[in-house]
Protein backbone atom coordinates (compact mmCIF):
# COMPACT_ATOMS: atom_id res chain seq x y z
CA UNK A 1 0.00 0.00 0.00
CA UNK A 2 1.26 3.47 -0.80
CA UNK A 3 2.50 5.60 2.08
CA UNK A 4 -0.15 8.25 1.58
CA UNK A 5 -2.87 5.59 1.79
CA UNK A 6 -1.32 4.18 4.96
CA UNK A 7 -1.39 7.68 6.44
CA UNK A 8 -5.05 8.10 5.55
CA UNK A 9 -5.85 4.74 7.15
CA UNK A 10 -3.95 5.70 10.31
CA UNK A 11 -5.73 9.04 10.42
CA UNK A 12 -9.14 7.39 10.01
CA UNK A 13 -8.29 4.81 12.67
CA UNK A 14 -7.52 7.67 15.08
CA UNK A 15 -10.62 9.73 14.22
CA UNK A 16 -13.47 8.21 12.26
CA UNK A 17 -13.13 4.60 13.35
CA UNK A 18 -11.87 5.16 16.89
CA UNK A 19 -15.34 4.59 18.40
CA UNK A 20 -16.26 1.75 16.07
CA UNK A 21 -16.07 -1.72 17.57
CA UNK A 22 -17.06 -4.97 15.93
CA UNK A 23 -17.98 -7.87 18.11
CA UNK A 24 -17.39 -11.37 16.87
CA UNK A 25 -21.15 -11.60 16.31
CA UNK A 26 -21.02 -8.51 14.03
CA UNK A 27 -18.13 -9.99 12.08
CA UNK A 28 -19.98 -13.28 11.57
CA UNK A 29 -23.11 -11.45 10.40
CA UNK A 30 -21.09 -9.45 7.89
CA UNK A 31 -19.37 -12.58 6.59
CA UNK A 32 -22.75 -14.33 6.27
CA UNK A 33 -24.19 -11.40 4.30
CA UNK A 34 -21.22 -11.45 1.94
CA UNK A 35 -21.57 -15.21 1.45
CA UNK A 36 -25.32 -14.88 0.86
CA UNK A 37 -24.69 -12.23 -1.76
CA UNK A 38 -22.21 -14.51 -3.55
CA UNK A 39 -24.73 -17.34 -3.42
CA UNK A 40 -27.39 -15.13 -4.93
CA UNK A 41 -25.03 -14.16 -7.75
CA UNK A 42 -24.38 -17.83 -8.37
CA UNK A 43 -28.12 -18.55 -8.39
CA UNK A 44 -28.71 -15.72 -10.87
CA UNK A 45 -25.99 -17.06 -13.14
CA UNK A 46 -27.42 -20.58 -12.87
CA UNK A 47 -30.95 -19.40 -13.72
CA UNK A 48 -29.69 -17.31 -16.63
CA UNK A 49 -27.68 -20.17 -18.09
CA UNK A 50 -30.60 -22.58 -17.67
CA UNK A 51 -32.80 -20.18 -19.61
CA UNK A 52 -30.23 -19.87 -22.37
CA UNK A 53 -30.38 -23.55 -23.27
CA UNK A 54 -32.76 -22.26 -25.90
CA UNK A 55 -32.41 -19.01 -27.79
CA UNK A 56 -33.82 -15.92 -26.00
CA UNK A 57 -33.74 -12.14 -26.33
CA UNK A 58 -32.59 -9.95 -23.47
CA UNK A 59 -36.16 -8.80 -22.95
CA UNK A 60 -37.39 -12.39 -22.70
CA UNK A 61 -34.60 -13.19 -20.25
CA UNK A 62 -35.53 -10.24 -18.03
CA UNK A 63 -39.17 -11.41 -17.94
CA UNK A 64 -38.26 -15.04 -17.26
CA UNK A 65 -35.80 -14.10 -14.50
CA UNK A 66 -38.52 -12.00 -12.88
CA UNK A 67 -40.87 -14.99 -13.10
CA UNK A 68 -38.23 -16.92 -11.13
CA UNK A 69 -38.37 -14.15 -8.51
CA UNK A 70 -34.98 -12.74 -9.54
CA UNK A 71 -35.55 -9.01 -9.44
CA UNK A 72 -31.98 -7.80 -9.64
CA UNK A 73 -32.43 -6.47 -13.17
CA UNK A 74 -35.87 -4.88 -12.77
CA UNK A 75 -34.60 -1.34 -12.30
CA UNK A 76 -31.34 -1.88 -14.13
CA UNK A 77 -31.66 -3.92 -17.29
CA UNK A 78 -28.26 -2.59 -18.27
CA UNK A 79 -26.85 -4.93 -15.63
CA UNK A 80 -28.38 -7.90 -17.43
CA UNK A 81 -26.86 -6.84 -20.74
CA UNK A 82 -23.49 -6.30 -19.06
CA UNK A 83 -23.65 -9.83 -17.66
CA UNK A 84 -24.67 -11.21 -21.06
CA UNK A 85 -21.75 -9.37 -22.67
CA UNK A 86 -19.31 -10.82 -20.11
CA UNK A 87 -20.66 -14.33 -20.72
CA UNK A 88 -20.32 -13.79 -24.45
CA UNK A 89 -16.74 -12.53 -24.10
CA UNK A 90 -15.95 -15.66 -22.07
CA UNK A 91 -17.53 -17.74 -24.86
CA UNK A 92 -20.17 -19.27 -22.57
CA UNK A 93 -22.94 -17.85 -24.75
CA UNK A 94 -23.21 -16.62 -28.33
CA UNK A 95 -25.42 -13.95 -29.77
CA UNK A 96 -26.97 -13.38 -33.16
CA UNK A 97 -29.13 -10.69 -34.70
CA UNK A 98 -32.46 -11.46 -36.30
CA UNK A 99 -32.70 -8.84 -39.02
CA UNK A 100 -36.42 -9.30 -39.58
CA UNK A 101 -37.39 -8.58 -35.97
CA UNK A 102 -34.30 -6.46 -35.23
CA UNK A 103 -33.70 -8.43 -32.04
CA UNK A 104 -30.53 -9.86 -30.60
CA UNK A 105 -30.76 -13.46 -29.45
CA UNK A 106 -28.54 -15.21 -26.92
CA UNK A 107 -27.90 -18.92 -26.49
CA UNK A 108 -25.58 -21.17 -24.50
CA UNK A 109 -22.48 -22.56 -26.23
CA UNK A 110 -21.03 -26.02 -25.62
CA UNK A 111 -18.53 -24.45 -23.23
CA UNK A 112 -21.41 -22.75 -21.41
CA UNK A 113 -23.27 -26.06 -21.26
CA UNK A 114 -20.34 -27.63 -19.42
CA UNK A 115 -20.31 -24.78 -16.91
CA UNK A 116 -24.06 -25.12 -16.47
CA UNK A 117 -23.69 -28.82 -15.63
CA UNK A 118 -21.06 -27.97 -12.99
CA UNK A 119 -23.26 -25.27 -11.46
CA UNK A 120 -26.27 -27.61 -11.35
CA UNK A 121 -24.19 -30.35 -9.73
CA UNK A 122 -22.89 -27.93 -7.12
CA UNK A 123 -26.41 -26.71 -6.37
CA UNK A 124 -27.66 -30.29 -6.04
CA UNK A 125 -24.86 -31.08 -3.58
CA UNK A 126 -25.69 -27.95 -1.57
CA UNK A 127 -29.39 -28.88 -1.43
CA UNK A 128 -28.55 -32.40 -0.28
CA UNK A 129 -26.30 -31.03 2.46
CA UNK A 130 -29.06 -28.67 3.70
CA UNK A 131 -31.63 -31.46 3.60
CA UNK A 132 -29.33 -33.69 5.61
CA UNK A 133 -28.79 -30.93 8.17
CA UNK A 134 -32.49 -30.26 8.52
CA UNK A 135 -33.51 -33.88 8.75
CA UNK A 136 -30.52 -34.65 10.96
C-alpha atoms as a PDB file:
ATOM      1  CA  UNK A   1       0.000   0.000   0.000  1.00  0.00           C
ATOM      2  CA  UNK A   2       1.263   3.472  -0.796  1.00  0.00           C
ATOM      3  CA  UNK A   3       2.505   5.602   2.085  1.00  0.00           C
ATOM      4  CA  UNK A   4      -0.151   8.246   1.582  1.00  0.00           C
ATOM      5  CA  UNK A   5      -2.869   5.590   1.794  1.00  0.00           C
ATOM      6  CA  UNK A   6      -1.316   4.182   4.957  1.00  0.00           C
ATOM      7  CA  UNK A   7      -1.389   7.675   6.438  1.00  0.00           C
ATOM      8  CA  UNK A   8      -5.054   8.096   5.545  1.00  0.00           C
ATOM      9  CA  UNK A   9      -5.848   4.744   7.154  1.00  0.00           C
ATOM     10  CA  UNK A  10      -3.945   5.701  10.310  1.00  0.00           C
ATOM     11  CA  UNK A  11      -5.735   9.036  10.424  1.00  0.00           C
ATOM     12  CA  UNK A  12      -9.137   7.390  10.011  1.00  0.00           C
ATOM     13  CA  UNK A  13      -8.288   4.814  12.672  1.00  0.00           C
ATOM     14  CA  UNK A  14      -7.521   7.673  15.082  1.00  0.00           C
ATOM     15  CA  UNK A  15     -10.621   9.727  14.223  1.00  0.00           C
ATOM     16  CA  UNK A  16     -13.469   8.210  12.264  1.00  0.00           C
ATOM     17  CA  UNK A  17     -13.128   4.598  13.352  1.00  0.00           C
ATOM     18  CA  UNK A  18     -11.874   5.161  16.889  1.00  0.00           C
ATOM     19  CA  UNK A  19     -15.336   4.591  18.396  1.00  0.00           C
ATOM     20  CA  UNK A  20     -16.262   1.749  16.071  1.00  0.00           C
ATOM     21  CA  UNK A  21     -16.072  -1.723  17.574  1.00  0.00           C
ATOM     22  CA  UNK A  22     -17.055  -4.967  15.932  1.00  0.00           C
ATOM     23  CA  UNK A  23     -17.984  -7.867  18.112  1.00  0.00           C
ATOM     24  CA  UNK A  24     -17.393 -11.372  16.870  1.00  0.00           C
ATOM     25  CA  UNK A  25     -21.150 -11.603  16.307  1.00  0.00           C
ATOM     26  CA  UNK A  26     -21.018  -8.514  14.031  1.00  0.00           C
ATOM     27  CA  UNK A  27     -18.125  -9.990  12.081  1.00  0.00           C
ATOM     28  CA  UNK A  28     -19.980 -13.280  11.573  1.00  0.00           C
ATOM     29  CA  UNK A  29     -23.114 -11.455  10.395  1.00  0.00           C
ATOM     30  CA  UNK A  30     -21.087  -9.446   7.890  1.00  0.00           C
ATOM     31  CA  UNK A  31     -19.367 -12.579   6.585  1.00  0.00           C
ATOM     32  CA  UNK A  32     -22.747 -14.330   6.274  1.00  0.00           C
ATOM     33  CA  UNK A  33     -24.194 -11.399   4.300  1.00  0.00           C
ATOM     34  CA  UNK A  34     -21.216 -11.450   1.937  1.00  0.00           C
ATOM     35  CA  UNK A  35     -21.567 -15.209   1.451  1.00  0.00           C
ATOM     36  CA  UNK A  36     -25.318 -14.882   0.863  1.00  0.00           C
ATOM     37  CA  UNK A  37     -24.694 -12.232  -1.764  1.00  0.00           C
ATOM     38  CA  UNK A  38     -22.213 -14.506  -3.553  1.00  0.00           C
ATOM     39  CA  UNK A  39     -24.727 -17.343  -3.422  1.00  0.00           C
ATOM     40  CA  UNK A  40     -27.385 -15.126  -4.927  1.00  0.00           C
ATOM     41  CA  UNK A  41     -25.032 -14.157  -7.746  1.00  0.00           C
ATOM     42  CA  UNK A  42     -24.378 -17.831  -8.373  1.00  0.00           C
ATOM     43  CA  UNK A  43     -28.121 -18.550  -8.387  1.00  0.00           C
ATOM     44  CA  UNK A  44     -28.706 -15.723 -10.868  1.00  0.00           C
ATOM     45  CA  UNK A  45     -25.988 -17.064 -13.137  1.00  0.00           C
ATOM     46  CA  UNK A  46     -27.421 -20.581 -12.873  1.00  0.00           C
ATOM     47  CA  UNK A  47     -30.945 -19.397 -13.718  1.00  0.00           C
ATOM     48  CA  UNK A  48     -29.689 -17.310 -16.627  1.00  0.00           C
ATOM     49  CA  UNK A  49     -27.682 -20.165 -18.088  1.00  0.00           C
ATOM     50  CA  UNK A  50     -30.598 -22.583 -17.670  1.00  0.00           C
ATOM     51  CA  UNK A  51     -32.797 -20.183 -19.607  1.00  0.00           C
ATOM     52  CA  UNK A  52     -30.229 -19.867 -22.370  1.00  0.00           C
ATOM     53  CA  UNK A  53     -30.376 -23.553 -23.273  1.00  0.00           C
ATOM     54  CA  UNK A  54     -32.763 -22.265 -25.903  1.00  0.00           C
ATOM     55  CA  UNK A  55     -32.408 -19.010 -27.790  1.00  0.00           C
ATOM     56  CA  UNK A  56     -33.816 -15.925 -25.999  1.00  0.00           C
ATOM     57  CA  UNK A  57     -33.737 -12.144 -26.328  1.00  0.00           C
ATOM     58  CA  UNK A  58     -32.585  -9.950 -23.472  1.00  0.00           C
ATOM     59  CA  UNK A  59     -36.157  -8.798 -22.951  1.00  0.00           C
ATOM     60  CA  UNK A  60     -37.386 -12.395 -22.699  1.00  0.00           C
ATOM     61  CA  UNK A  61     -34.605 -13.194 -20.247  1.00  0.00           C
ATOM     62  CA  UNK A  62     -35.529 -10.242 -18.032  1.00  0.00           C
ATOM     63  CA  UNK A  63     -39.165 -11.413 -17.937  1.00  0.00           C
ATOM     64  CA  UNK A  64     -38.259 -15.040 -17.258  1.00  0.00           C
ATOM     65  CA  UNK A  65     -35.805 -14.100 -14.502  1.00  0.00           C
ATOM     66  CA  UNK A  66     -38.518 -11.997 -12.880  1.00  0.00           C
ATOM     67  CA  UNK A  67     -40.869 -14.990 -13.104  1.00  0.00           C
ATOM     68  CA  UNK A  68     -38.232 -16.919 -11.134  1.00  0.00           C
ATOM     69  CA  UNK A  69     -38.368 -14.150  -8.508  1.00  0.00           C
ATOM     70  CA  UNK A  70     -34.985 -12.742  -9.537  1.00  0.00           C
ATOM     71  CA  UNK A  71     -35.552  -9.012  -9.441  1.00  0.00           C
ATOM     72  CA  UNK A  72     -31.976  -7.799  -9.641  1.00  0.00           C
ATOM     73  CA  UNK A  73     -32.428  -6.473 -13.172  1.00  0.00           C
ATOM     74  CA  UNK A  74     -35.872  -4.877 -12.774  1.00  0.00           C
ATOM     75  CA  UNK A  75     -34.605  -1.342 -12.303  1.00  0.00           C
ATOM     76  CA  UNK A  76     -31.336  -1.879 -14.128  1.00  0.00           C
ATOM     77  CA  UNK A  77     -31.665  -3.923 -17.291  1.00  0.00           C
ATOM     78  CA  UNK A  78     -28.259  -2.591 -18.268  1.00  0.00           C
ATOM     79  CA  UNK A  79     -26.846  -4.927 -15.629  1.00  0.00           C
ATOM     80  CA  UNK A  80     -28.379  -7.895 -17.428  1.00  0.00           C
ATOM     81  CA  UNK A  81     -26.861  -6.844 -20.744  1.00  0.00           C
ATOM     82  CA  UNK A  82     -23.493  -6.299 -19.059  1.00  0.00           C
ATOM     83  CA  UNK A  83     -23.646  -9.833 -17.658  1.00  0.00           C
ATOM     84  CA  UNK A  84     -24.666 -11.206 -21.060  1.00  0.00           C
ATOM     85  CA  UNK A  85     -21.750  -9.369 -22.669  1.00  0.00           C
ATOM     86  CA  UNK A  86     -19.314 -10.818 -20.109  1.00  0.00           C
ATOM     87  CA  UNK A  87     -20.659 -14.328 -20.722  1.00  0.00           C
ATOM     88  CA  UNK A  88     -20.320 -13.791 -24.451  1.00  0.00           C
ATOM     89  CA  UNK A  89     -16.738 -12.533 -24.097  1.00  0.00           C
ATOM     90  CA  UNK A  90     -15.947 -15.662 -22.068  1.00  0.00           C
ATOM     91  CA  UNK A  91     -17.534 -17.737 -24.858  1.00  0.00           C
ATOM     92  CA  UNK A  92     -20.172 -19.272 -22.571  1.00  0.00           C
ATOM     93  CA  UNK A  93     -22.936 -17.849 -24.754  1.00  0.00           C
ATOM     94  CA  UNK A  94     -23.207 -16.622 -28.325  1.00  0.00           C
ATOM     95  CA  UNK A  95     -25.418 -13.953 -29.774  1.00  0.00           C
ATOM     96  CA  UNK A  96     -26.966 -13.377 -33.164  1.00  0.00           C
ATOM     97  CA  UNK A  97     -29.127 -10.695 -34.704  1.00  0.00           C
ATOM     98  CA  UNK A  98     -32.461 -11.463 -36.305  1.00  0.00           C
ATOM     99  CA  UNK A  99     -32.699  -8.839 -39.022  1.00  0.00           C
ATOM    100  CA  UNK A 100     -36.422  -9.298 -39.580  1.00  0.00           C
ATOM    101  CA  UNK A 101     -37.388  -8.579 -35.974  1.00  0.00           C
ATOM    102  CA  UNK A 102     -34.296  -6.460 -35.230  1.00  0.00           C
ATOM    103  CA  UNK A 103     -33.701  -8.427 -32.041  1.00  0.00           C
ATOM    104  CA  UNK A 104     -30.527  -9.864 -30.597  1.00  0.00           C
ATOM    105  CA  UNK A 105     -30.762 -13.464 -29.446  1.00  0.00           C
ATOM    106  CA  UNK A 106     -28.543 -15.207 -26.915  1.00  0.00           C
ATOM    107  CA  UNK A 107     -27.895 -18.920 -26.487  1.00  0.00           C
ATOM    108  CA  UNK A 108     -25.583 -21.169 -24.499  1.00  0.00           C
ATOM    109  CA  UNK A 109     -22.476 -22.559 -26.232  1.00  0.00           C
ATOM    110  CA  UNK A 110     -21.028 -26.024 -25.622  1.00  0.00           C
ATOM    111  CA  UNK A 111     -18.528 -24.452 -23.228  1.00  0.00           C
ATOM    112  CA  UNK A 112     -21.407 -22.754 -21.412  1.00  0.00           C
ATOM    113  CA  UNK A 113     -23.269 -26.063 -21.259  1.00  0.00           C
ATOM    114  CA  UNK A 114     -20.341 -27.635 -19.415  1.00  0.00           C
ATOM    115  CA  UNK A 115     -20.305 -24.779 -16.910  1.00  0.00           C
ATOM    116  CA  UNK A 116     -24.064 -25.119 -16.466  1.00  0.00           C
ATOM    117  CA  UNK A 117     -23.689 -28.818 -15.628  1.00  0.00           C
ATOM    118  CA  UNK A 118     -21.059 -27.975 -12.993  1.00  0.00           C
ATOM    119  CA  UNK A 119     -23.260 -25.272 -11.456  1.00  0.00           C
ATOM    120  CA  UNK A 120     -26.267 -27.608 -11.351  1.00  0.00           C
ATOM    121  CA  UNK A 121     -24.194 -30.353  -9.731  1.00  0.00           C
ATOM    122  CA  UNK A 122     -22.886 -27.928  -7.122  1.00  0.00           C
ATOM    123  CA  UNK A 123     -26.407 -26.714  -6.374  1.00  0.00           C
ATOM    124  CA  UNK A 124     -27.662 -30.290  -6.036  1.00  0.00           C
ATOM    125  CA  UNK A 125     -24.863 -31.076  -3.578  1.00  0.00           C
ATOM    126  CA  UNK A 126     -25.694 -27.951  -1.574  1.00  0.00           C
ATOM    127  CA  UNK A 127     -29.394 -28.878  -1.432  1.00  0.00           C
ATOM    128  CA  UNK A 128     -28.548 -32.403  -0.279  1.00  0.00           C
ATOM    129  CA  UNK A 129     -26.302 -31.033   2.462  1.00  0.00           C
ATOM    130  CA  UNK A 130     -29.064 -28.673   3.705  1.00  0.00           C
ATOM    131  CA  UNK A 131     -31.628 -31.456   3.597  1.00  0.00           C
ATOM    132  CA  UNK A 132     -29.326 -33.687   5.613  1.00  0.00           C
ATOM    133  CA  UNK A 133     -28.788 -30.929   8.174  1.00  0.00           C
ATOM    134  CA  UNK A 134     -32.495 -30.256   8.522  1.00  0.00           C
ATOM    135  CA  UNK A 135     -33.509 -33.880   8.753  1.00  0.00           C
ATOM    136  CA  UNK A 136     -30.516 -34.653  10.964  1.00  0.00           C
END
